[in-house]
Amino acid sequence: MLPESVRSKVPIRAPTLVLNGDEDPICPPAVARLLCERIPGARAQVLRGATHDFAHKRPDEVAEAIRRHIVAVSHRH
């Protein structure tokens, strides 16, 4: 069952990047995709082979994903 916060619309209006690991048992990719669908204009990125602690274990990859997101968003405005 999905948490209520994911089932309903999320009141986020800022450009959003939803990062997720494809081996995350706490927030599986299906939940991350659904969350992304609920945030207007959000973009999803799945990190292959990553679990829930991907930010701690793969900080360079996370930082690069965030950097690319910021660059993409800044070019839209």
C-alpha atoms as a PDB file:
ATOM      1  CA  MET A   1       0.000   0.000   0.000  1.00  0.00           C
ATOM      2  CA  LEU A   2       1.252   3.479  -0.861  1.00  0.00           C
ATOM      3  CA  PRO A   3       1.491   6.200   1.782  1.00  0.00           C
ATOM      4  CA  GLU A   4      -1.144   8.938   1.595  1.00  0.00           C
ATOM      5  CA  SER A   5       1.567  11.486   0.753  1.00  0.00           C
ATOM      6  CA  VAL A   6       2.239   9.598  -2.481  1.00  0.00           C
ATOM      7  CA  ARG A   7      -1.370   8.745  -3.356  1.00  0.00           C
ATOM      8  CA  SER A   8      -2.549  12.353  -3.386  1.00  0.00           C
ATOM      9  CA  LYS A   9      -1.253  15.404  -5.265  1.00  0.00           C
ATOM     10  CA  VAL A  10       1.893  16.850  -3.751  1.00  0.00           C
ATOM     11  CA  PRO A  11       1.767  20.646  -3.267  1.00  0.00           C
ATOM     12  CA  ILE A  12       5.250  21.279  -4.670  1.00  0.00           C
ATOM     13  CA  ARG A  13       5.571  23.927  -7.352  1.00  0.00           C
ATOM     14  CA  ALA A  14       9.358  24.142  -7.634  1.00  0.00           C
ATOM     15  CA  PRO A  15      11.295  22.272 -10.337  1.00  0.00           C
ATOM     16  CA  THR A  16      11.852  18.881  -8.749  1.00  0.00           C
ATOM     17  CA  LEU A  17      14.262  16.019  -9.333  1.00  0.00           C
ATOM     18  CA  VAL A  18      13.182  12.699  -7.812  1.00  0.00           C
ATOM     19  CA  LEU A  19      16.306  10.573  -7.328  1.00  0.00           C
ATOM     20  CA  ASN A  20      15.861   6.921  -6.524  1.00  0.00           C
ATOM     21  CA  GLY A  21      17.860   3.722  -6.428  1.00  0.00           C
ATOM     22  CA  ASP A  22      16.534   0.795  -8.437  1.00  0.00           C
ATOM     23  CA  GLU A  23      17.289  -1.541  -5.510  1.00  0.00           C
ATOM     24  CA  ASP A  24      15.737   0.674  -2.816  1.00  0.00           C
ATOM     25  CA  PRO A  25      13.548  -1.494  -0.553  1.00  0.00           C
ATOM     26  CA  ILE A  26      12.207   1.495   1.422  1.00  0.00           C
ATOM     27  CA  CYS A  27      11.143   3.644  -1.531  1.00  0.00           C
ATOM     28  CA  PRO A  28      11.006   1.298  -4.526  1.00  0.00           C
ATOM     29  CA  PRO A  29      11.157   2.729  -8.047  1.00  0.00           C
ATOM     30  CA  ALA A  30       7.377   2.351  -8.498  1.00  0.00           C
ATOM     31  CA  VAL A  31       6.767   4.646  -5.527  1.00  0.00           C
ATOM     32  CA  ALA A  32       9.359   7.146  -6.772  1.00  0.00           C
ATOM     33  CA  ARG A  33       7.704   7.182 -10.223  1.00  0.00           C
ATOM     34  CA  LEU A  34       4.291   7.732  -8.670  1.00  0.00           C
ATOM     35  CA  LEU A  35       5.675  10.566  -6.553  1.00  0.00           C
ATOM     36  CA  CYS A  36       7.180  12.104  -9.680  1.00  0.00           C
ATOM     37  CA  GLU A  37       3.808  11.875 -11.430  1.00  0.00           C
ATOM     38  CA  ARG A  38       2.181  13.714  -8.524  1.00  0.00           C
ATOM     39  CA  ILE A  39       4.584  16.684  -8.637  1.00  0.00           C
ATOM     40  CA  PRO A  40       3.876  18.938 -11.633  1.00  0.00           C
ATOM     41  CA  GLY A  41       6.877  19.039 -13.966  1.00  0.00           C
ATOM     42  CA  ALA A  42       9.012  16.732 -11.825  1.00  0.00           C
ATOM     43  CA  ARG A  43      11.728  14.656 -13.426  1.00  0.00           C
ATOM     44  CA  ALA A  44      12.771  11.188 -12.243  1.00  0.00           C
ATOM     45  CA  GLN A  45      16.218   9.677 -12.313  1.00  0.00           C
ATOM     46  CA  VAL A  46      16.908   6.112 -11.222  1.00  0.00           C
ATOM     47  CA  LEU A  47      20.399   5.147 -10.121  1.00  0.00           C
ATOM     48  CA  ARG A  48      21.174   1.596 -11.194  1.00  0.00           C
ATOM     49  CA  GLY A  49      22.377  -0.723  -8.461  1.00  0.00           C
ATOM     50  CA  ALA A  50      21.607   1.832  -5.737  1.00  0.00           C
ATOM     51  CA  THR A  51      19.766   1.201  -2.492  1.00  0.00           C
ATOM     52  CA  HIS A  52      18.154   3.667  -0.078  1.00  0.00           C
ATOM     53  CA  ASP A  53      21.487   5.106   1.107  1.00  0.00           C
ATOM     54  CA  PHE A  54      22.707   6.040  -2.388  1.00  0.00           C
ATOM     55  CA  ALA A  55      23.463   9.654  -1.411  1.00  0.00           C
ATOM     56  CA  HIS A  56      25.916   8.435   1.209  1.00  0.00           C
ATOM     57  CA  LYS A  57      27.489   5.706  -0.914  1.00  0.00           C
ATOM     58  CA  ARG A  58      27.542   7.539  -4.271  1.00  0.00           C
ATOM     59  CA  PRO A  59      27.853  11.256  -3.482  1.00  0.00           C
ATOM     60  CA  ASP A  60      29.625  12.190  -6.720  1.00  0.00           C
ATOM     61  CA  GLU A  61      26.901  10.639  -8.865  1.00  0.00           C
ATOM     62  CA  VAL A  62      24.182  12.331  -6.790  1.00  0.00           C
ATOM     63  CA  ALA A  63      25.947  15.700  -6.974  1.00  0.00           C
ATOM     64  CA  GLU A  64      26.261  15.380 -10.761  1.00  0.00           C
ATOM     65  CA  ALA A  65      22.560  14.524 -11.116  1.00  0.00           C
ATOM     66  CA  ILE A  66      21.642  17.568  -9.048  1.00  0.00           C
ATOM     67  CA  ARG A  67      24.047  19.770 -11.014  1.00  0.00           C
ATOM     68  CA  ARG A  68      22.521  18.640 -14.327  1.00  0.00           C
ATOM     69  CA  HIS A  69      19.032  19.265 -12.961  1.00  0.00           C
ATOM     70  CA  ILE A  70      19.933  22.810 -11.884  1.00  0.00           C
ATOM     71  CA  VAL A  71      21.509  23.568 -15.252  1.00  0.00           C
ATOM     72  CA  ALA A  72      18.464  22.227 -17.111  1.00  0.00           C
ATOM     73  CA  VAL A  73      16.065  24.222 -14.945  1.00  0.00           C
ATOM     74  CA  SER A  74      18.078  27.427 -15.261  1.00  0.00           C
ATOM     75  CA  HIS A  75      18.012  27.125 -19.076  1.00  0.00           C
ATOM     76  CA  ARG A  76      14.205  26.906 -19.056  1.00  0.00           C
ATOM     77  CA  HIS A  77      13.829  30.276 -17.341  1.00  0.00           C
END
